[in-house]
């Protein structure tokens, strides 16, 4: 996982990490593209790179007509701040 990420891949990874619940998130390419102000093709390339270098695992939702689910490989939950 030491391969340098493109700026787009880093932005997608940051988004997935910030919005993941229990280390995974189901989201459509179009939604990611809209939120990150990039093209859907850019999102697809970024996700492919993230999977290739081992940051995420992708579970296709195509057969069930739902969004893909992205599993963060090195997910560490954010610490809970004491009250």
PDB file of N, CA and C in Angstrom:
ATOM      1  N   UNK A   1       0.817  -1.202   0.000  1.00  0.00           N
ATOM      2  CA  UNK A   1       0.000   0.000   0.000  1.00  0.00           C
ATOM      3  C   UNK A   1       0.857   1.261   0.000  1.00  0.00           C
ATOM      4  N   UNK A   2       2.085   1.141  -0.441  1.00  0.00           N
ATOM      5  CA  UNK A   2       2.969   2.296  -0.434  1.00  0.00           C
ATOM      6  C   UNK A   2       2.965   3.042  -1.764  1.00  0.00           C
ATOM      7  N   UNK A   3       2.224   2.535  -2.774  1.00  0.00           N
ATOM      8  CA  UNK A   3       2.153   3.202  -4.074  1.00  0.00           C
ATOM      9  C   UNK A   3       1.496   4.571  -3.925  1.00  0.00           C
ATOM     10  N   UNK A   4       2.086   5.561  -4.617  1.00  0.00           N
ATOM     11  CA  UNK A   4       1.563   6.916  -4.534  1.00  0.00           C
ATOM     12  C   UNK A   4       0.217   6.992  -5.250  1.00  0.00           C
ATOM     13  N   UNK A   5      -0.759   7.589  -4.588  1.00  0.00           N
ATOM     14  CA  UNK A   5      -2.093   7.728  -5.154  1.00  0.00           C
ATOM     15  C   UNK A   5      -2.209   9.022  -5.950  1.00  0.00           C
ATOM     16  N   UNK A   6      -3.063   8.990  -6.966  1.00  0.00           N
ATOM     17  CA  UNK A   6      -3.394  10.221  -7.672  1.00  0.00           C
ATOM     18  C   UNK A   6      -4.185  11.121  -6.724  1.00  0.00           C
ATOM     19  N   UNK A   7      -4.287  12.390  -7.056  1.00  0.00           N
ATOM     20  CA  UNK A   7      -5.068  13.308  -6.221  1.00  0.00           C
ATOM     21  C   UNK A   7      -6.523  12.867  -6.155  1.00  0.00           C
ATOM     22  N   UNK A   8      -7.044  12.400  -7.267  1.00  0.00           N
ATOM     23  CA  UNK A   8      -8.436  11.940  -7.302  1.00  0.00           C
ATOM     24  C   UNK A   8      -8.633  10.712  -6.419  1.00  0.00           C
ATOM     25  N   UNK A   9      -7.702   9.761  -6.498  1.00  0.00           N
ATOM     26  CA  UNK A   9      -7.811   8.560  -5.678  1.00  0.00           C
ATOM     27  C   UNK A   9      -7.725   8.913  -4.201  1.00  0.00           C
ATOM     28  N   UNK A  10      -6.851   9.853  -3.853  1.00  0.00           N
ATOM     29  CA  UNK A  10      -6.733  10.271  -2.458  1.00  0.00           C
ATOM     30  C   UNK A  10      -8.020  10.949  -1.991  1.00  0.00           C
ATOM     31  N   UNK A  11      -8.621  11.762  -2.863  1.00  0.00           N
ATOM     32  CA  UNK A  11      -9.879  12.441  -2.514  1.00  0.00           C
ATOM     33  C   UNK A  11     -11.004  11.424  -2.313  1.00  0.00           C
ATOM     34  N   UNK A  12     -11.076  10.415  -3.190  1.00  0.00           N
ATOM     35  CA  UNK A  12     -12.102   9.377  -3.051  1.00  0.00           C
ATOM     36  C   UNK A  12     -11.876   8.585  -1.765  1.00  0.00           C
ATOM     37  N   UNK A  13     -10.631   8.213  -1.497  1.00  0.00           N
ATOM     38  CA  UNK A  13     -10.319   7.476  -0.271  1.00  0.00           C
ATOM     39  C   UNK A  13     -10.695   8.291   0.963  1.00  0.00           C
ATOM     40  N   UNK A  14     -10.362   9.562   0.967  1.00  0.00           N
ATOM     41  CA  UNK A  14     -10.722  10.426   2.102  1.00  0.00           C
ATOM     42  C   UNK A  14     -12.227  10.457   2.294  1.00  0.00           C
ATOM     43  N   UNK A  15     -12.976  10.586   1.206  1.00  0.00           N
ATOM     44  CA  UNK A  15     -14.435  10.620   1.299  1.00  0.00           C
ATOM     45  C   UNK A  15     -14.968   9.307   1.873  1.00  0.00           C
ATOM     46  N   UNK A  16     -14.472   8.194   1.342  1.00  0.00           N
ATOM     47  CA  UNK A  16     -14.926   6.892   1.835  1.00  0.00           C
ATOM     48  C   UNK A  16     -14.618   6.725   3.318  1.00  0.00           C
ATOM     49  N   UNK A  17     -13.423   7.138   3.738  1.00  0.00           N
ATOM     50  CA  UNK A  17     -13.044   7.022   5.147  1.00  0.00           C
ATOM     51  C   UNK A  17     -13.922   7.891   6.045  1.00  0.00           C
ATOM     52  N   UNK A  18     -14.245   9.082   5.582  1.00  0.00           N
ATOM     53  CA  UNK A  18     -15.051  10.008   6.390  1.00  0.00           C
ATOM     54  C   UNK A  18     -16.505   9.563   6.510  1.00  0.00           C
ATOM     55  N   UNK A  19     -17.006   8.846   5.514  1.00  0.00           N
ATOM     56  CA  UNK A  19     -18.425   8.500   5.489  1.00  0.00           C
ATOM     57  C   UNK A  19     -18.724   7.022   5.727  1.00  0.00           C
ATOM     58  N   UNK A  20     -17.686   6.219   5.917  1.00  0.00           N
ATOM     59  CA  UNK A  20     -17.882   4.782   6.138  1.00  0.00           C
ATOM     60  C   UNK A  20     -18.488   4.509   7.506  1.00  0.00           C
ATOM     61  N   UNK A  21     -19.304   3.481   7.543  1.00  0.00           N
ATOM     62  CA  UNK A  21     -19.850   3.003   8.812  1.00  0.00           C
ATOM     63  C   UNK A  21     -19.355   1.574   8.983  1.00  0.00           C
ATOM     64  N   UNK A  22     -18.655   1.326  10.070  1.00  0.00           N
ATOM     65  CA  UNK A  22     -18.076   0.003  10.340  1.00  0.00           C
ATOM     66  C   UNK A  22     -17.153  -0.461   9.220  1.00  0.00           C
ATOM     67  N   UNK A  23     -16.468   0.483   8.594  1.00  0.00           N
ATOM     68  CA  UNK A  23     -15.474   0.135   7.593  1.00  0.00           C
ATOM     69  C   UNK A  23     -15.991  -0.080   6.193  1.00  0.00           C
ATOM     70  N   UNK A  24     -17.287   0.212   5.958  1.00  0.00           N
ATOM     71  CA  UNK A  24     -17.788   0.069   4.594  1.00  0.00           C
ATOM     72  C   UNK A  24     -18.825   1.134   4.285  1.00  0.00           C
ATOM     73  N   UNK A  25     -19.037   1.328   2.987  1.00  0.00           N
ATOM     74  CA  UNK A  25     -19.988   2.330   2.524  1.00  0.00           C
ATOM     75  C   UNK A  25     -20.552   1.886   1.178  1.00  0.00           C
ATOM     76  N   UNK A  26     -21.852   2.032   1.004  1.00  0.00           N
ATOM     77  CA  UNK A  26     -22.499   1.770  -0.280  1.00  0.00           C
ATOM     78  C   UNK A  26     -22.850   3.118  -0.881  1.00  0.00           C
ATOM     79  N   UNK A  27     -22.327   3.375  -2.076  1.00  0.00           N
ATOM     80  CA  UNK A  27     -22.546   4.672  -2.703  1.00  0.00           C
ATOM     81  C   UNK A  27     -22.386   4.533  -4.218  1.00  0.00           C
ATOM     82  N   UNK A  28     -23.163   5.289  -4.956  1.00  0.00           N
ATOM     83  CA  UNK A  28     -23.096   5.259  -6.416  1.00  0.00           C
ATOM     84  C   UNK A  28     -21.962   6.138  -6.913  1.00  0.00           C
ATOM     85  N   UNK A  29     -21.415   5.770  -8.069  1.00  0.00           N
ATOM     86  CA  UNK A  29     -20.341   6.568  -8.673  1.00  0.00           C
ATOM     87  C   UNK A  29     -20.783   8.010  -8.887  1.00  0.00           C
ATOM     88  N   UNK A  30     -22.016   8.183  -9.335  1.00  0.00           N
ATOM     89  CA  UNK A  30     -22.530   9.530  -9.599  1.00  0.00           C
ATOM     90  C   UNK A  30     -22.584  10.396  -8.356  1.00  0.00           C
ATOM     91  N   UNK A  31     -22.922   9.804  -7.243  1.00  0.00           N
ATOM     92  CA  UNK A  31     -22.982  10.551  -5.982  1.00  0.00           C
ATOM     93  C   UNK A  31     -21.571  10.953  -5.553  1.00  0.00           C
ATOM     94  N   UNK A  32     -20.637  10.013  -5.643  1.00  0.00           N
ATOM     95  CA  UNK A  32     -19.241  10.333  -5.314  1.00  0.00           C
ATOM     96  C   UNK A  32     -18.728  11.453  -6.217  1.00  0.00           C
ATOM     97  N   UNK A  33     -19.014  11.348  -7.510  1.00  0.00           N
ATOM     98  CA  UNK A  33     -18.559  12.364  -8.463  1.00  0.00           C
ATOM     99  C   UNK A  33     -19.147  13.729  -8.120  1.00  0.00           C
ATOM    100  N   UNK A  34     -20.426  13.763  -7.804  1.00  0.00           N
ATOM    101  CA  UNK A  34     -21.086  15.022  -7.448  1.00  0.00           C
ATOM    102  C   UNK A  34     -20.466  15.630  -6.192  1.00  0.00           C
ATOM    103  N   UNK A  35     -20.283  14.812  -5.176  1.00  0.00           N
ATOM    104  CA  UNK A  35     -19.739  15.297  -3.897  1.00  0.00           C
ATOM    105  C   UNK A  35     -18.304  15.794  -4.036  1.00  0.00           C
ATOM    106  N   UNK A  36     -17.544  15.184  -4.934  1.00  0.00           N
ATOM    107  CA  UNK A  36     -16.134  15.540  -5.092  1.00  0.00           C
ATOM    108  C   UNK A  36     -15.891  16.495  -6.258  1.00  0.00           C
ATOM    109  N   UNK A  37     -16.964  16.853  -6.961  1.00  0.00           N
ATOM    110  CA  UNK A  37     -16.878  17.790  -8.095  1.00  0.00           C
ATOM    111  C   UNK A  37     -15.945  17.276  -9.182  1.00  0.00           C
ATOM    112  N   UNK A  38     -16.102  15.986  -9.512  1.00  0.00           N
ATOM    113  CA  UNK A  38     -15.317  15.378 -10.585  1.00  0.00           C
ATOM    114  C   UNK A  38     -16.248  14.558 -11.471  1.00  0.00           C
ATOM    115  N   UNK A  39     -15.717  14.058 -12.569  1.00  0.00           N
ATOM    116  CA  UNK A  39     -16.459  13.233 -13.506  1.00  0.00           C
ATOM    117  C   UNK A  39     -16.584  11.804 -12.974  1.00  0.00           C
ATOM    118  N   UNK A  40     -17.664  11.109 -13.345  1.00  0.00           N
ATOM    119  CA  UNK A  40     -17.840   9.712 -12.911  1.00  0.00           C
ATOM    120  C   UNK A  40     -16.689   8.817 -13.370  1.00  0.00           C
ATOM    121  N   UNK A  41     -16.159   9.084 -14.563  1.00  0.00           N
ATOM    122  CA  UNK A  41     -15.038   8.286 -15.063  1.00  0.00           C
ATOM    123  C   UNK A  41     -13.818   8.460 -14.165  1.00  0.00           C
ATOM    124  N   UNK A  42     -13.617   9.660 -13.648  1.00  0.00           N
ATOM    125  CA  UNK A  42     -12.518   9.924 -12.716  1.00  0.00           C
ATOM    126  C   UNK A  42     -12.705   9.097 -11.448  1.00  0.00           C
ATOM    127  N   UNK A  43     -13.938   9.028 -10.962  1.00  0.00           N
ATOM    128  CA  UNK A  43     -14.247   8.237  -9.767  1.00  0.00           C
ATOM    129  C   UNK A  43     -13.962   6.767 -10.024  1.00  0.00           C
ATOM    130  N   UNK A  44     -14.387   6.249 -11.170  1.00  0.00           N
ATOM    131  CA  UNK A  44     -14.153   4.835 -11.489  1.00  0.00           C
ATOM    132  C   UNK A  44     -12.655   4.514 -11.545  1.00  0.00           C
ATOM    133  N   UNK A  45     -11.869   5.392 -12.185  1.00  0.00           N
ATOM    134  CA  UNK A  45     -10.417   5.174 -12.246  1.00  0.00           C
ATOM    135  C   UNK A  45      -9.802   5.219 -10.846  1.00  0.00           C
ATOM    136  N   UNK A  46     -10.261   6.157 -10.028  1.00  0.00           N
ATOM    137  CA  UNK A  46      -9.736   6.276  -8.663  1.00  0.00           C
ATOM    138  C   UNK A  46     -10.058   5.026  -7.847  1.00  0.00           C
ATOM    139  N   UNK A  47     -11.283   4.525  -7.969  1.00  0.00           N
ATOM    140  CA  UNK A  47     -11.675   3.319  -7.240  1.00  0.00           C
ATOM    141  C   UNK A  47     -10.871   2.110  -7.700  1.00  0.00           C
ATOM    142  N   UNK A  48     -10.626   2.024  -9.009  1.00  0.00           N
ATOM    143  CA  UNK A  48      -9.802   0.930  -9.531  1.00  0.00           C
ATOM    144  C   UNK A  48      -8.396   0.991  -8.943  1.00  0.00           C
ATOM    145  N   UNK A  49      -7.828   2.199  -8.876  1.00  0.00           N
ATOM    146  CA  UNK A  49      -6.491   2.348  -8.302  1.00  0.00           C
ATOM    147  C   UNK A  49      -6.488   1.965  -6.826  1.00  0.00           C
ATOM    148  N   UNK A  50      -7.491   2.408  -6.081  1.00  0.00           N
ATOM    149  CA  UNK A  50      -7.567   2.096  -4.655  1.00  0.00           C
ATOM    150  C   UNK A  50      -7.673   0.593  -4.417  1.00  0.00           C
ATOM    151  N   UNK A  51      -8.431  -0.082  -5.284  1.00  0.00           N
ATOM    152  CA  UNK A  51      -8.544  -1.532  -5.153  1.00  0.00           C
ATOM    153  C   UNK A  51      -7.223  -2.206  -5.533  1.00  0.00           C
ATOM    154  N   UNK A  52      -6.600  -1.741  -6.592  1.00  0.00           N
ATOM    155  CA  UNK A  52      -5.349  -2.333  -7.070  1.00  0.00           C
ATOM    156  C   UNK A  52      -4.240  -2.276  -6.020  1.00  0.00           C
ATOM    157  N   UNK A  53      -4.148  -1.151  -5.311  1.00  0.00           N
ATOM    158  CA  UNK A  53      -3.076  -1.010  -4.314  1.00  0.00           C
ATOM    159  C   UNK A  53      -3.473  -1.540  -2.933  1.00  0.00           C
ATOM    160  N   UNK A  54      -4.718  -2.004  -2.801  1.00  0.00           N
ATOM    161  CA  UNK A  54      -5.119  -2.671  -1.567  1.00  0.00           C
ATOM    162  C   UNK A  54      -5.758  -1.809  -0.495  1.00  0.00           C
ATOM    163  N   UNK A  55      -6.229  -0.621  -0.846  1.00  0.00           N
ATOM    164  CA  UNK A  55      -6.888   0.233   0.148  1.00  0.00           C
ATOM    165  C   UNK A  55      -8.356  -0.142   0.355  1.00  0.00           C
ATOM    166  N   UNK A  56      -8.989  -0.662  -0.718  1.00  0.00           N
ATOM    167  CA  UNK A  56     -10.401  -1.020  -0.627  1.00  0.00           C
ATOM    168  C   UNK A  56     -10.651  -2.355  -1.312  1.00  0.00           C
ATOM    169  N   UNK A  57     -11.787  -2.943  -0.952  1.00  0.00           N
ATOM    170  CA  UNK A  57     -12.327  -4.113  -1.655  1.00  0.00           C
ATOM    171  C   UNK A  57     -13.705  -3.699  -2.141  1.00  0.00           C
ATOM    172  N   UNK A  58     -14.021  -4.034  -3.379  1.00  0.00           N
ATOM    173  CA  UNK A  58     -15.289  -3.614  -3.971  1.00  0.00           C
ATOM    174  C   UNK A  58     -16.213  -4.815  -4.115  1.00  0.00           C
ATOM    175  N   UNK A  59     -17.439  -4.649  -3.614  1.00  0.00           N
ATOM    176  CA  UNK A  59     -18.479  -5.673  -3.795  1.00  0.00           C
ATOM    177  C   UNK A  59     -19.514  -5.068  -4.742  1.00  0.00           C
ATOM    178  N   UNK A  60     -19.653  -5.669  -5.900  1.00  0.00           N
ATOM    179  CA  UNK A  60     -20.574  -5.146  -6.911  1.00  0.00           C
ATOM    180  C   UNK A  60     -22.020  -5.299  -6.468  1.00  0.00           C
ATOM    181  N   UNK A  61     -22.803  -4.283  -6.764  1.00  0.00           N
ATOM    182  CA  UNK A  61     -24.235  -4.332  -6.485  1.00  0.00           C
ATOM    183  C   UNK A  61     -25.047  -4.487  -7.747  1.00  0.00           C
ATOM    184  N   UNK A  62     -24.361  -4.664  -8.873  1.00  0.00           N
ATOM    185  CA  UNK A  62     -25.003  -4.689 -10.187  1.00  0.00           C
ATOM    186  C   UNK A  62     -26.100  -5.743 -10.285  1.00  0.00           C
ATOM    187  N   UNK A  63     -25.828  -6.952  -9.834  1.00  0.00           N
ATOM    188  CA  UNK A  63     -26.813  -8.032  -9.964  1.00  0.00           C
ATOM    189  C   UNK A  63     -28.066  -7.783  -9.136  1.00  0.00           C
ATOM    190  N   UNK A  64     -27.941  -7.005  -8.074  1.00  0.00           N
ATOM    191  CA  UNK A  64     -29.074  -6.735  -7.193  1.00  0.00           C
ATOM    192  C   UNK A  64     -29.637  -5.336  -7.399  1.00  0.00           C
ATOM    193  N   UNK A  65     -29.187  -4.655  -8.473  1.00  0.00           N
ATOM    194  CA  UNK A  65     -29.657  -3.302  -8.804  1.00  0.00           C
ATOM    195  C   UNK A  65     -29.479  -2.343  -7.630  1.00  0.00           C
ATOM    196  N   UNK A  66     -28.292  -2.356  -7.059  1.00  0.00           N
ATOM    197  CA  UNK A  66     -27.989  -1.446  -5.960  1.00  0.00           C
ATOM    198  C   UNK A  66     -26.575  -0.900  -6.154  1.00  0.00           C
ATOM    199  N   UNK A  67     -26.223   0.074  -5.351  1.00  0.00           N
ATOM    200  CA  UNK A  67     -24.889   0.663  -5.420  1.00  0.00           C
ATOM    201  C   UNK A  67     -23.838  -0.347  -4.967  1.00  0.00           C
ATOM    202  N   UNK A  68     -22.616  -0.175  -5.461  1.00  0.00           N
ATOM    203  CA  UNK A  68     -21.502  -0.991  -4.987  1.00  0.00           C
ATOM    204  C   UNK A  68     -21.243  -0.701  -3.513  1.00  0.00           C
ATOM    205  N   UNK A  69     -20.673  -1.678  -2.833  1.00  0.00           N
ATOM    206  CA  UNK A  69     -20.239  -1.482  -1.457  1.00  0.00           C
ATOM    207  C   UNK A  69     -18.719  -1.508  -1.457  1.00  0.00           C
ATOM    208  N   UNK A  70     -18.129  -0.531  -0.775  1.00  0.00           N
ATOM    209  CA  UNK A  70     -16.683  -0.400  -0.696  1.00  0.00           C
ATOM    210  C   UNK A  70     -16.250  -0.693   0.731  1.00  0.00           C
ATOM    211  N   UNK A  71     -15.361  -1.655   0.881  1.00  0.00           N
ATOM    212  CA  UNK A  71     -14.841  -2.051   2.186  1.00  0.00           C
ATOM    213  C   UNK A  71     -13.434  -1.484   2.333  1.00  0.00           C
ATOM    214  N   UNK A  72     -13.220  -0.716   3.372  1.00  0.00           N
ATOM    215  CA  UNK A  72     -11.904  -0.140   3.635  1.00  0.00           C
ATOM    216  C   UNK A  72     -11.036  -1.211   4.280  1.00  0.00           C
ATOM    217  N   UNK A  73      -9.910  -1.522   3.659  1.00  0.00           N
ATOM    218  CA  UNK A  73      -9.049  -2.603   4.127  1.00  0.00           C
ATOM    219  C   UNK A  73      -8.381  -2.259   5.453  1.00  0.00           C
ATOM    220  N   UNK A  74      -7.920  -1.038   5.588  1.00  0.00           N
ATOM    221  CA  UNK A  74      -7.208  -0.657   6.818  1.00  0.00           C
ATOM    222  C   UNK A  74      -8.054   0.302   7.653  1.00  0.00           C
ATOM    223  N   UNK A  75      -9.340  -0.017   7.779  1.00  0.00           N
ATOM    224  CA  UNK A  75     -10.263   0.860   8.511  1.00  0.00           C
ATOM    225  C   UNK A  75      -9.961   0.866   9.999  1.00  0.00           C
ATOM    226  N   UNK A  76      -9.833   2.062  10.533  1.00  0.00           N
ATOM    227  CA  UNK A  76      -9.670   2.250  11.974  1.00  0.00           C
ATOM    228  C   UNK A  76     -10.737   3.264  12.386  1.00  0.00           C
ATOM    229  N   UNK A  77     -11.691   2.872  13.233  1.00  0.00           N
ATOM    230  CA  UNK A  77     -12.731   3.813  13.637  1.00  0.00           C
ATOM    231  C   UNK A  77     -12.143   5.054  14.299  1.00  0.00           C
ATOM    232  N   UNK A  78     -12.794   6.176  14.062  1.00  0.00           N
ATOM    233  CA  UNK A  78     -12.358   7.417  14.698  1.00  0.00           C
ATOM    234  C   UNK A  78     -12.541   7.292  16.204  1.00  0.00           C
ATOM    235  N   UNK A  79     -11.611   7.821  16.992  1.00  0.00           N
ATOM    236  CA  UNK A  79     -11.752   7.737  18.447  1.00  0.00           C
ATOM    237  C   UNK A  79     -12.962   8.533  18.925  1.00  0.00           C
ATOM    238  N   UNK A  80     -13.606   8.030  19.950  1.00  0.00           N
ATOM    239  CA  UNK A  80     -14.755   8.713  20.542  1.00  0.00           C
ATOM    240  C   UNK A  80     -14.216   9.673  21.596  1.00  0.00           C
ATOM    241  N   UNK A  81     -14.616  10.918  21.473  1.00  0.00           N
ATOM    242  CA  UNK A  81     -14.186  11.939  22.426  1.00  0.00           C
ATOM    243  C   UNK A  81     -14.992  11.811  23.724  1.00  0.00           C
ATOM    244  N   UNK A  82     -14.342  11.783  24.866  1.00  0.00           N
ATOM    245  CA  UNK A  82     -15.076  11.709  26.138  1.00  0.00           C
ATOM    246  C   UNK A  82     -15.856  13.006  26.374  1.00  0.00           C
ATOM    247  N   UNK A  83     -16.974  12.865  27.041  1.00  0.00           N
ATOM    248  CA  UNK A  83     -17.826  14.041  27.331  1.00  0.00           C
ATOM    249  C   UNK A  83     -17.405  14.704  28.611  1.00  0.00           C
TER     250      UNK A  83
END
